[in-house]
Amino acid sequence: MSSRVHTFEDVRRLGSEHGHELAAALVLASSRGNADRALKRQMARIVLSQIAAAVEQLRNAAFPDELAALYEHAARQGVRDELLKSQAIAARLERRAA
């Protein structure tokens, strides 16, 4: 993030976008080949560590703690939203194929 002043909405939006991007990468990676449970868990840990690293960068850049926490929450929510969307699409495709 740039050093300009961010509103709560800016931080929430940026966190959510980051979460959606990370989840999309997770879904794409896990859909290639036969990703087993252990691999999916490992990829999920990578996503969470990416969020933690982004939050740490914010804190190291003297971002206010409440904005860093808002970013983290929004990023995690973005991941959840994207994964739920992906699961719904997969379920629809399965129903159509049946």
N, C-alpha and C. Protein backbone atom coordinates (compact mmCIF):
# COMPACT_ATOMS: atom_id res chain seq x y z
N MET A 1 0.83 -1.18 0.00
CA MET A 1 0.00 0.00 0.00
C MET A 1 0.87 1.23 0.00
N SER A 2 0.38 2.23 -0.64
CA SER A 2 1.13 3.48 -0.68
C SER A 2 1.06 4.16 0.68
N SER A 3 1.84 5.20 0.83
CA SER A 3 1.90 5.88 2.12
C SER A 3 0.79 6.91 2.29
N ARG A 4 -0.08 7.06 1.30
CA ARG A 4 -1.17 8.04 1.44
C ARG A 4 -2.11 7.59 2.55
N VAL A 5 -2.90 8.51 3.03
CA VAL A 5 -3.84 8.21 4.09
C VAL A 5 -4.97 7.35 3.52
N HIS A 6 -5.27 6.28 4.21
CA HIS A 6 -6.33 5.37 3.76
C HIS A 6 -7.52 5.48 4.69
N THR A 7 -8.70 5.42 4.09
CA THR A 7 -9.91 5.36 4.89
C THR A 7 -10.16 3.91 5.28
N PHE A 8 -11.05 3.73 6.22
CA PHE A 8 -11.42 2.37 6.60
C PHE A 8 -11.92 1.60 5.39
N GLU A 9 -12.70 2.25 4.55
CA GLU A 9 -13.24 1.58 3.37
C GLU A 9 -12.13 1.19 2.39
N ASP A 10 -11.12 2.05 2.21
CA ASP A 10 -9.97 1.71 1.36
C ASP A 10 -9.28 0.45 1.86
N VAL A 11 -9.02 0.42 3.16
CA VAL A 11 -8.29 -0.70 3.76
C VAL A 11 -9.13 -1.97 3.66
N ARG A 12 -10.42 -1.86 3.94
CA ARG A 12 -11.30 -3.03 3.84
C ARG A 12 -11.33 -3.57 2.41
N ARG A 13 -11.45 -2.67 1.44
CA ARG A 13 -11.51 -3.07 0.03
C ARG A 13 -10.21 -3.73 -0.41
N LEU A 14 -9.09 -3.12 -0.04
CA LEU A 14 -7.78 -3.68 -0.42
C LEU A 14 -7.56 -5.04 0.21
N GLY A 15 -7.94 -5.18 1.47
CA GLY A 15 -7.81 -6.48 2.14
C GLY A 15 -8.68 -7.53 1.49
N SER A 16 -9.90 -7.15 1.18
CA SER A 16 -10.83 -8.09 0.54
C SER A 16 -10.31 -8.52 -0.83
N GLU A 17 -9.81 -7.56 -1.60
CA GLU A 17 -9.26 -7.89 -2.93
C GLU A 17 -8.09 -8.85 -2.80
N HIS A 18 -7.22 -8.59 -1.83
CA HIS A 18 -6.07 -9.47 -1.63
C HIS A 18 -6.54 -10.87 -1.26
N GLY A 19 -7.52 -10.97 -0.38
CA GLY A 19 -8.07 -12.27 0.00
C GLY A 19 -8.67 -13.01 -1.17
N HIS A 20 -9.42 -12.29 -2.01
CA HIS A 20 -10.02 -12.92 -3.20
C HIS A 20 -8.94 -13.43 -4.14
N GLU A 21 -7.89 -12.64 -4.34
CA GLU A 21 -6.79 -13.06 -5.23
C GLU A 21 -6.09 -14.30 -4.69
N LEU A 22 -5.82 -14.31 -3.39
CA LEU A 22 -5.16 -15.48 -2.80
C LEU A 22 -6.04 -16.72 -2.90
N ALA A 23 -7.32 -16.57 -2.64
CA ALA A 23 -8.22 -17.72 -2.72
C ALA A 23 -8.35 -18.22 -4.15
N ALA A 24 -8.41 -17.30 -5.10
CA ALA A 24 -8.50 -17.71 -6.50
C ALA A 24 -7.27 -18.53 -6.89
N ALA A 25 -6.11 -18.10 -6.44
CA ALA A 25 -4.89 -18.86 -6.71
C ALA A 25 -4.94 -20.23 -6.04
N LEU A 26 -5.48 -20.27 -4.82
CA LEU A 26 -5.62 -21.53 -4.10
C LEU A 26 -6.55 -22.48 -4.85
N VAL A 27 -7.68 -21.97 -5.30
CA VAL A 27 -8.65 -22.79 -6.04
C VAL A 27 -8.03 -23.30 -7.34
N LEU A 28 -7.36 -22.43 -8.04
CA LEU A 28 -6.73 -22.82 -9.30
C LEU A 28 -5.68 -23.91 -9.07
N ALA A 29 -4.83 -23.71 -8.09
CA ALA A 29 -3.78 -24.69 -7.80
C ALA A 29 -4.37 -26.03 -7.35
N SER A 30 -5.41 -25.98 -6.54
CA SER A 30 -5.96 -27.23 -6.02
C SER A 30 -6.80 -27.96 -7.06
N SER A 31 -7.25 -27.26 -8.10
CA SER A 31 -8.05 -27.91 -9.13
C SER A 31 -7.19 -28.58 -10.19
N ARG A 32 -5.92 -28.27 -10.20
CA ARG A 32 -5.02 -28.89 -11.18
C ARG A 32 -4.55 -30.23 -10.65
N GLY A 33 -4.79 -31.24 -11.42
CA GLY A 33 -4.36 -32.57 -11.01
C GLY A 33 -5.18 -33.07 -9.84
N ASN A 34 -4.62 -34.01 -9.13
CA ASN A 34 -5.31 -34.60 -7.99
C ASN A 34 -4.70 -34.05 -6.71
N ALA A 35 -5.15 -32.90 -6.30
CA ALA A 35 -4.65 -32.29 -5.07
C ALA A 35 -5.28 -33.02 -3.89
N ASP A 36 -4.45 -33.68 -3.09
CA ASP A 36 -4.98 -34.40 -1.94
C ASP A 36 -5.18 -33.43 -0.77
N ARG A 37 -5.76 -33.96 0.30
CA ARG A 37 -6.07 -33.12 1.47
C ARG A 37 -4.83 -32.45 2.05
N ALA A 38 -3.74 -33.19 2.14
CA ALA A 38 -2.51 -32.63 2.73
C ALA A 38 -2.01 -31.45 1.89
N LEU A 39 -2.06 -31.59 0.58
CA LEU A 39 -1.62 -30.51 -0.30
C LEU A 39 -2.54 -29.30 -0.16
N LYS A 40 -3.85 -29.55 -0.10
CA LYS A 40 -4.80 -28.45 0.06
C LYS A 40 -4.58 -27.73 1.39
N ARG A 41 -4.30 -28.48 2.46
CA ARG A 41 -4.01 -27.86 3.76
C ARG A 41 -2.75 -27.02 3.69
N GLN A 42 -1.74 -27.54 3.02
CA GLN A 42 -0.49 -26.80 2.87
C GLN A 42 -0.72 -25.50 2.09
N MET A 43 -1.50 -25.57 1.03
CA MET A 43 -1.79 -24.37 0.25
C MET A 43 -2.59 -23.36 1.09
N ALA A 44 -3.51 -23.85 1.91
CA ALA A 44 -4.28 -22.95 2.78
C ALA A 44 -3.36 -22.26 3.79
N ARG A 45 -2.39 -23.00 4.32
CA ARG A 45 -1.41 -22.39 5.24
C ARG A 45 -0.60 -21.31 4.53
N ILE A 46 -0.27 -21.53 3.28
CA ILE A 46 0.46 -20.52 2.50
C ILE A 46 -0.38 -19.27 2.35
N VAL A 47 -1.67 -19.44 2.06
CA VAL A 47 -2.56 -18.28 1.92
C VAL A 47 -2.60 -17.50 3.23
N LEU A 48 -2.77 -18.20 4.35
CA LEU A 48 -2.82 -17.52 5.65
C LEU A 48 -1.50 -16.84 5.98
N SER A 49 -0.39 -17.47 5.59
CA SER A 49 0.91 -16.83 5.87
C SER A 49 1.11 -15.60 4.99
N GLN A 50 0.55 -15.60 3.79
CA GLN A 50 0.62 -14.42 2.93
C GLN A 50 -0.16 -13.26 3.54
N ILE A 51 -1.31 -13.56 4.10
CA ILE A 51 -2.10 -12.52 4.78
C ILE A 51 -1.33 -12.00 5.98
N ALA A 52 -0.77 -12.91 6.77
CA ALA A 52 -0.01 -12.50 7.95
C ALA A 52 1.19 -11.64 7.56
N ALA A 53 1.85 -11.99 6.47
CA ALA A 53 3.00 -11.21 6.01
C ALA A 53 2.57 -9.81 5.58
N ALA A 54 1.43 -9.70 4.91
CA ALA A 54 0.93 -8.39 4.50
C ALA A 54 0.59 -7.54 5.72
N VAL A 55 -0.02 -8.15 6.72
CA VAL A 55 -0.36 -7.42 7.95
C VAL A 55 0.91 -6.98 8.66
N GLU A 56 1.89 -7.84 8.70
CA GLU A 56 3.17 -7.49 9.34
C GLU A 56 3.83 -6.31 8.62
N GLN A 57 3.76 -6.31 7.29
CA GLN A 57 4.30 -5.18 6.53
C GLN A 57 3.59 -3.88 6.90
N LEU A 58 2.29 -3.96 7.03
CA LEU A 58 1.53 -2.77 7.42
C LEU A 58 1.97 -2.27 8.79
N ARG A 59 2.09 -3.19 9.72
CA ARG A 59 2.49 -2.80 11.07
C ARG A 59 3.91 -2.23 11.08
N ASN A 60 4.80 -2.81 10.30
CA ASN A 60 6.18 -2.30 10.22
C ASN A 60 6.22 -0.93 9.55
N ALA A 61 5.23 -0.61 8.75
CA ALA A 61 5.16 0.69 8.09
C ALA A 61 4.40 1.70 8.94
N ALA A 62 4.24 1.39 10.21
CA ALA A 62 3.57 2.26 11.18
C ALA A 62 2.10 2.50 10.85
N PHE A 63 1.46 1.52 10.21
CA PHE A 63 0.02 1.58 9.99
C PHE A 63 -0.65 1.44 11.34
N PRO A 64 -1.70 2.18 11.63
CA PRO A 64 -2.41 2.02 12.91
C PRO A 64 -2.89 0.57 13.08
N ASP A 65 -2.79 0.06 14.30
CA ASP A 65 -3.16 -1.33 14.57
C ASP A 65 -4.59 -1.66 14.15
N GLU A 66 -5.51 -0.73 14.37
CA GLU A 66 -6.89 -1.04 14.00
C GLU A 66 -7.06 -1.14 12.49
N LEU A 67 -6.30 -0.39 11.72
CA LEU A 67 -6.37 -0.53 10.26
C LEU A 67 -5.72 -1.83 9.80
N ALA A 68 -4.62 -2.21 10.43
CA ALA A 68 -3.99 -3.49 10.09
C ALA A 68 -4.92 -4.65 10.42
N ALA A 69 -5.61 -4.56 11.55
CA ALA A 69 -6.56 -5.61 11.93
C ALA A 69 -7.75 -5.64 10.96
N LEU A 70 -8.21 -4.48 10.53
CA LEU A 70 -9.30 -4.41 9.55
C LEU A 70 -8.87 -5.05 8.24
N TYR A 71 -7.65 -4.77 7.80
CA TYR A 71 -7.12 -5.35 6.58
C TYR A 71 -7.09 -6.88 6.71
N GLU A 72 -6.57 -7.37 7.83
CA GLU A 72 -6.48 -8.82 8.04
C GLU A 72 -7.87 -9.45 8.01
N HIS A 73 -8.81 -8.86 8.71
CA HIS A 73 -10.17 -9.39 8.73
C HIS A 73 -10.77 -9.40 7.32
N ALA A 74 -10.60 -8.32 6.59
CA ALA A 74 -11.15 -8.22 5.23
C ALA A 74 -10.49 -9.24 4.30
N ALA A 75 -9.19 -9.43 4.45
CA ALA A 75 -8.50 -10.41 3.60
C ALA A 75 -9.00 -11.82 3.89
N ARG A 76 -9.14 -12.15 5.17
CA ARG A 76 -9.65 -13.49 5.52
C ARG A 76 -11.09 -13.66 5.02
N GLN A 77 -11.89 -12.62 5.14
CA GLN A 77 -13.27 -12.69 4.65
C GLN A 77 -13.28 -12.83 3.13
N GLY A 78 -12.37 -12.15 2.45
CA GLY A 78 -12.26 -12.28 1.00
C GLY A 78 -11.93 -13.71 0.59
N VAL A 79 -11.04 -14.35 1.35
CA VAL A 79 -10.72 -15.76 1.08
C VAL A 79 -11.97 -16.61 1.26
N ARG A 80 -12.67 -16.43 2.38
CA ARG A 80 -13.88 -17.22 2.62
C ARG A 80 -14.91 -17.01 1.52
N ASP A 81 -15.13 -15.76 1.15
CA ASP A 81 -16.12 -15.45 0.10
C ASP A 81 -15.76 -16.13 -1.21
N GLU A 82 -14.50 -16.03 -1.59
CA GLU A 82 -14.07 -16.61 -2.86
C GLU A 82 -14.17 -18.14 -2.83
N LEU A 83 -13.82 -18.76 -1.71
CA LEU A 83 -13.91 -20.21 -1.61
C LEU A 83 -15.37 -20.67 -1.65
N LEU A 84 -16.26 -19.94 -0.97
CA LEU A 84 -17.68 -20.28 -1.02
C LEU A 84 -18.23 -20.14 -2.43
N LYS A 85 -17.82 -19.09 -3.13
CA LYS A 85 -18.25 -18.89 -4.51
C LYS A 85 -17.78 -20.05 -5.38
N SER A 86 -16.54 -20.45 -5.20
CA SER A 86 -15.98 -21.54 -5.99
C SER A 86 -16.71 -22.86 -5.70
N GLN A 87 -17.02 -23.11 -4.44
CA GLN A 87 -17.75 -24.32 -4.08
C GLN A 87 -19.15 -24.33 -4.69
N ALA A 88 -19.80 -23.18 -4.69
CA ALA A 88 -21.14 -23.09 -5.28
C ALA A 88 -21.09 -23.35 -6.78
N ILE A 89 -20.09 -22.82 -7.44
CA ILE A 89 -19.95 -23.04 -8.89
C ILE A 89 -19.69 -24.52 -9.16
N ALA A 90 -18.81 -25.13 -8.37
CA ALA A 90 -18.51 -26.55 -8.55
C ALA A 90 -19.76 -27.40 -8.33
N ALA A 91 -20.56 -27.07 -7.33
CA ALA A 91 -21.79 -27.82 -7.07
C ALA A 91 -22.77 -27.69 -8.23
N ARG A 92 -22.90 -26.46 -8.77
CA ARG A 92 -23.78 -26.27 -9.93
C ARG A 92 -23.32 -27.08 -11.13
N LEU A 93 -22.02 -27.09 -11.36
CA LEU A 93 -21.48 -27.85 -12.49
C LEU A 93 -21.72 -29.35 -12.30
N GLU A 94 -21.59 -29.83 -11.08
CA GLU A 94 -21.85 -31.25 -10.80
C GLU A 94 -23.31 -31.60 -11.04
N ARG A 95 -24.22 -30.71 -10.61
CA ARG A 95 -25.65 -30.96 -10.82
C ARG A 95 -26.00 -30.99 -12.31
N ARG A 96 -25.38 -30.07 -13.07
CA ARG A 96 -25.64 -30.04 -14.51
C ARG A 96 -25.11 -31.30 -15.21
N ALA A 97 -24.00 -31.81 -14.71
CA ALA A 97 -23.38 -32.98 -15.33
C ALA A 97 -24.17 -34.25 -14.99
N ALA A 98 -24.92 -34.22 -13.91
CA ALA A 98 -25.66 -35.41 -13.48
C ALA A 98 -26.94 -35.62 -14.25
